[in-house]
Amino acid sequence: SAIVYGGYDFSFVEDVSDSFICNICTKVLKSPYLTECCGQNYCKSCLEHWSAWNRQDSGEDQHFSCPHCRTKDFKHIIDKRTERLVKELQVFCLYRVKGCDWRGELGKERGGFYPSGNAVEPL
């Protein structure tokens, strides 16, 4: 089965700032992490995928380098501020093609239900 990783697949009401884009998947950050070495943001799942790929490719068991600056054994932390800002971005409903006209904050999207609570058919 395919490995699923990456950022949000929503249609955003307005253009999204580059500071909210993951440099690995090029989508809007989902569970953003910040690197201490160069200050880049990545989705948590993208960093995990990068780490696994990098370790496999390098043959090293416990070391991996930063995707941007290549610093070895770099530290990364959860970026809660960026996560809050991303969740405030305005998005269209995933079911817009099925006629849902809801739009609102990403953090309030209910994924599979209209905001009223009515279930929608799978796409």
C-alpha atoms as a PDB file:
ATOM      1  CA  SER A   1       0.000   0.000   0.000  1.00  0.00           C
ATOM      2  CA  ALA A   2       1.079   3.587  -0.614  1.00  0.00           C
ATOM      3  CA  ILE A   3       2.642   5.604   2.168  1.00  0.00           C
ATOM      4  CA  VAL A   4       0.442   8.562   2.960  1.00  0.00           C
ATOM      5  CA  TYR A   5       2.169  11.691   4.129  1.00  0.00           C
ATOM      6  CA  GLY A   6       2.087  15.389   3.539  1.00  0.00           C
ATOM      7  CA  GLY A   7       0.074  18.506   4.147  1.00  0.00           C
ATOM      8  CA  TYR A   8      -3.526  19.558   3.706  1.00  0.00           C
ATOM      9  CA  ASP A   9      -5.409  18.892   0.445  1.00  0.00           C
ATOM     10  CA  PHE A  10      -7.947  21.681   0.815  1.00  0.00           C
ATOM     11  CA  SER A  11      -8.870  24.458  -1.577  1.00  0.00           C
ATOM     12  CA  PHE A  12      -8.054  27.653   0.248  1.00  0.00           C
ATOM     13  CA  VAL A  13     -10.228  30.758  -0.072  1.00  0.00           C
ATOM     14  CA  GLU A  14      -7.163  33.010  -0.482  1.00  0.00           C
ATOM     15  CA  ASP A  15      -3.583  32.431  -1.590  1.00  0.00           C
ATOM     16  CA  VAL A  16      -1.528  30.868   1.186  1.00  0.00           C
ATOM     17  CA  SER A  17       1.741  32.470   2.308  1.00  0.00           C
ATOM     18  CA  ASP A  18       4.903  30.548   1.396  1.00  0.00           C
ATOM     19  CA  SER A  19       5.725  30.461   5.113  1.00  0.00           C
ATOM     20  CA  PHE A  20       2.885  27.931   5.538  1.00  0.00           C
ATOM     21  CA  ILE A  21       4.106  25.600   2.778  1.00  0.00           C
ATOM     22  CA  CYS A  22       6.092  22.436   3.521  1.00  0.00           C
ATOM     23  CA  ASN A  23       9.351  22.292   1.595  1.00  0.00           C
ATOM     24  CA  ILE A  24       9.014  18.520   1.104  1.00  0.00           C
ATOM     25  CA  CYS A  25       5.412  17.969  -0.060  1.00  0.00           C
ATOM     26  CA  THR A  26       4.769  21.607  -1.127  1.00  0.00           C
ATOM     27  CA  LYS A  27       1.324  21.538   0.502  1.00  0.00           C
ATOM     28  CA  VAL A  28       0.036  23.601   3.418  1.00  0.00           C
ATOM     29  CA  LEU A  29       1.719  22.439   6.635  1.00  0.00           C
ATOM     30  CA  LYS A  30      -0.028  19.734   8.640  1.00  0.00           C
ATOM     31  CA  SER A  31       1.306  19.259  12.192  1.00  0.00           C
ATOM     32  CA  PRO A  32       4.211  21.635  11.461  1.00  0.00           C
ATOM     33  CA  TYR A  33       7.676  21.107  12.833  1.00  0.00           C
ATOM     34  CA  LEU A  34      10.410  23.748  12.882  1.00  0.00           C
ATOM     35  CA  THR A  35      14.073  22.882  12.384  1.00  0.00           C
ATOM     36  CA  GLU A  36      16.494  24.491  14.816  1.00  0.00           C
ATOM     37  CA  CYS A  37      19.382  24.495  12.322  1.00  0.00           C
ATOM     38  CA  CYS A  38      17.882  26.684   9.579  1.00  0.00           C
ATOM     39  CA  GLY A  39      14.359  27.564  10.729  1.00  0.00           C
ATOM     40  CA  GLN A  40      12.484  25.696   7.977  1.00  0.00           C
ATOM     41  CA  ASN A  41       9.009  24.241   8.529  1.00  0.00           C
ATOM     42  CA  TYR A  42       7.917  20.753   7.496  1.00  0.00           C
ATOM     43  CA  CYS A  43       4.862  18.578   8.056  1.00  0.00           C
ATOM     44  CA  LYS A  44       5.445  16.041  10.806  1.00  0.00           C
ATOM     45  CA  SER A  45       4.711  13.150   8.448  1.00  0.00           C
ATOM     46  CA  CYS A  46       7.032  14.583   5.775  1.00  0.00           C
ATOM     47  CA  LEU A  47       9.933  14.749   8.236  1.00  0.00           C
ATOM     48  CA  GLU A  48       9.223  11.174   9.324  1.00  0.00           C
ATOM     49  CA  HIS A  49       9.188  10.057   5.677  1.00  0.00           C
ATOM     50  CA  TRP A  50      12.380  12.043   4.944  1.00  0.00           C
ATOM     51  CA  SER A  51      14.079  10.534   7.978  1.00  0.00           C
ATOM     52  CA  ALA A  52      13.244   6.960   6.940  1.00  0.00           C
ATOM     53  CA  TRP A  53      14.302   7.580   3.334  1.00  0.00           C
ATOM     54  CA  ASN A  54      17.492   9.421   4.337  1.00  0.00           C
ATOM     55  CA  ARG A  55      18.573   6.704   6.758  1.00  0.00           C
ATOM     56  CA  GLN A  56      17.901   3.992   4.178  1.00  0.00           C
ATOM     57  CA  ASP A  57      19.757   5.898   1.451  1.00  0.00           C
ATOM     58  CA  SER A  58      22.776   6.756   3.628  1.00  0.00           C
ATOM     59  CA  GLY A  59      23.042   3.352   5.277  1.00  0.00           C
ATOM     60  CA  GLU A  60      23.273   5.039   8.663  1.00  0.00           C
ATOM     61  CA  ASP A  61      21.120   3.678  11.441  1.00  0.00           C
ATOM     62  CA  GLN A  62      20.631   6.708  13.652  1.00  0.00           C
ATOM     63  CA  HIS A  63      21.572   9.840  11.700  1.00  0.00           C
ATOM     64  CA  PHE A  64      19.752  11.898   9.142  1.00  0.00           C
ATOM     65  CA  SER A  65      20.306  15.333   7.708  1.00  0.00           C
ATOM     66  CA  CYS A  66      18.074  18.373   7.436  1.00  0.00           C
ATOM     67  CA  PRO A  67      16.234  18.423   4.086  1.00  0.00           C
ATOM     68  CA  HIS A  68      17.163  22.087   3.558  1.00  0.00           C
ATOM     69  CA  CYS A  69      20.666  22.758   4.909  1.00  0.00           C
ATOM     70  CA  ARG A  70      21.847  19.137   5.315  1.00  0.00           C
ATOM     71  CA  THR A  71      22.904  19.589   8.954  1.00  0.00           C
ATOM     72  CA  LYS A  72      23.420  16.119  10.461  1.00  0.00           C
ATOM     73  CA  ASP A  73      21.441  15.118  13.537  1.00  0.00           C
ATOM     74  CA  PHE A  74      19.409  18.315  13.444  1.00  0.00           C
ATOM     75  CA  LYS A  75      16.798  19.031  16.084  1.00  0.00           C
ATOM     76  CA  HIS A  76      13.209  19.844  15.288  1.00  0.00           C
ATOM     77  CA  ILE A  77      10.340  20.947  17.473  1.00  0.00           C
ATOM     78  CA  ILE A  78       6.576  21.212  17.156  1.00  0.00           C
ATOM     79  CA  ASP A  79       5.687  24.682  15.852  1.00  0.00           C
ATOM     80  CA  LYS A  80       2.434  25.352  17.707  1.00  0.00           C
ATOM     81  CA  ARG A  81       2.292  29.012  16.647  1.00  0.00           C
ATOM     82  CA  THR A  82       2.384  28.116  12.954  1.00  0.00           C
ATOM     83  CA  GLU A  83      -0.117  25.312  13.554  1.00  0.00           C
ATOM     84  CA  ARG A  84      -2.555  27.806  15.121  1.00  0.00           C
ATOM     85  CA  LEU A  85      -2.127  30.213  12.198  1.00  0.00           C
ATOM     86  CA  VAL A  86      -2.617  27.443   9.616  1.00  0.00           C
ATOM     87  CA  LYS A  87      -5.803  26.275  11.341  1.00  0.00           C
ATOM     88  CA  GLU A  88      -7.165  29.843  11.052  1.00  0.00           C
ATOM     89  CA  LEU A  89      -6.806  29.825   7.248  1.00  0.00           C
ATOM     90  CA  GLN A  90     -10.104  29.916   5.357  1.00  0.00           C
ATOM     91  CA  VAL A  91     -10.913  26.805   3.305  1.00  0.00           C
ATOM     92  CA  PHE A  92     -13.734  25.534   1.134  1.00  0.00           C
ATOM     93  CA  CYS A  93     -15.485  22.300   2.101  1.00  0.00           C
ATOM     94  CA  LEU A  94     -13.886  19.134   0.731  1.00  0.00           C
ATOM     95  CA  TYR A  95     -17.353  18.322  -0.650  1.00  0.00           C
ATOM     96  CA  ARG A  96     -17.712  21.557  -2.578  1.00  0.00           C
ATOM     97  CA  VAL A  97     -17.974  19.511  -5.800  1.00  0.00           C
ATOM     98  CA  LYS A  98     -21.015  17.770  -4.272  1.00  0.00           C
ATOM     99  CA  GLY A  99     -22.687  21.115  -3.616  1.00  0.00           C
ATOM    100  CA  CYS A 100     -21.553  21.986  -0.110  1.00  0.00           C
ATOM    101  CA  ASP A 101     -21.146  25.762   0.076  1.00  0.00           C
ATOM    102  CA  TRP A 102     -19.543  25.806   3.543  1.00  0.00           C
ATOM    103  CA  ARG A 103     -16.324  27.697   3.967  1.00  0.00           C
ATOM    104  CA  GLY A 104     -14.553  28.585   7.140  1.00  0.00           C
ATOM    105  CA  GLU A 105     -11.469  28.040   9.260  1.00  0.00           C
ATOM    106  CA  LEU A 106      -9.426  24.941   8.480  1.00  0.00           C
ATOM    107  CA  GLY A 107      -9.501  24.019  12.172  1.00  0.00           C
ATOM    108  CA  LYS A 108     -13.312  23.847  12.055  1.00  0.00           C
ATOM    109  CA  GLU A 109     -13.645  21.662   8.934  1.00  0.00           C
ATOM    110  CA  ARG A 110     -15.318  18.393   9.863  1.00  0.00           C
ATOM    111  CA  GLY A 111     -14.067  16.096   7.050  1.00  0.00           C
ATOM    112  CA  GLY A 112     -17.022  14.105   5.802  1.00  0.00           C
ATOM    113  CA  PHE A 113     -19.802  16.063   7.458  1.00  0.00           C
ATOM    114  CA  TYR A 114     -21.340  19.363   6.653  1.00  0.00           C
ATOM    115  CA  PRO A 115     -20.943  21.798   9.568  1.00  0.00           C
ATOM    116  CA  SER A 116     -24.629  21.119  10.324  1.00  0.00           C
ATOM    117  CA  GLY A 117     -23.646  17.517  11.161  1.00  0.00           C
ATOM    118  CA  ASN A 118     -25.340  15.892   8.161  1.00  0.00           C
ATOM    119  CA  ALA A 119     -23.193  13.155   6.608  1.00  0.00           C
ATOM    120  CA  VAL A 120     -22.221  13.466   2.973  1.00  0.00           C
ATOM    121  CA  GLU A 121     -21.596  10.748   0.419  1.00  0.00           C
ATOM    122  CA  PRO A 122     -17.955   9.839  -0.227  1.00  0.00           C
ATOM    123  CA  LEU A 123     -16.413  11.577  -3.232  1.00  0.00           C
END
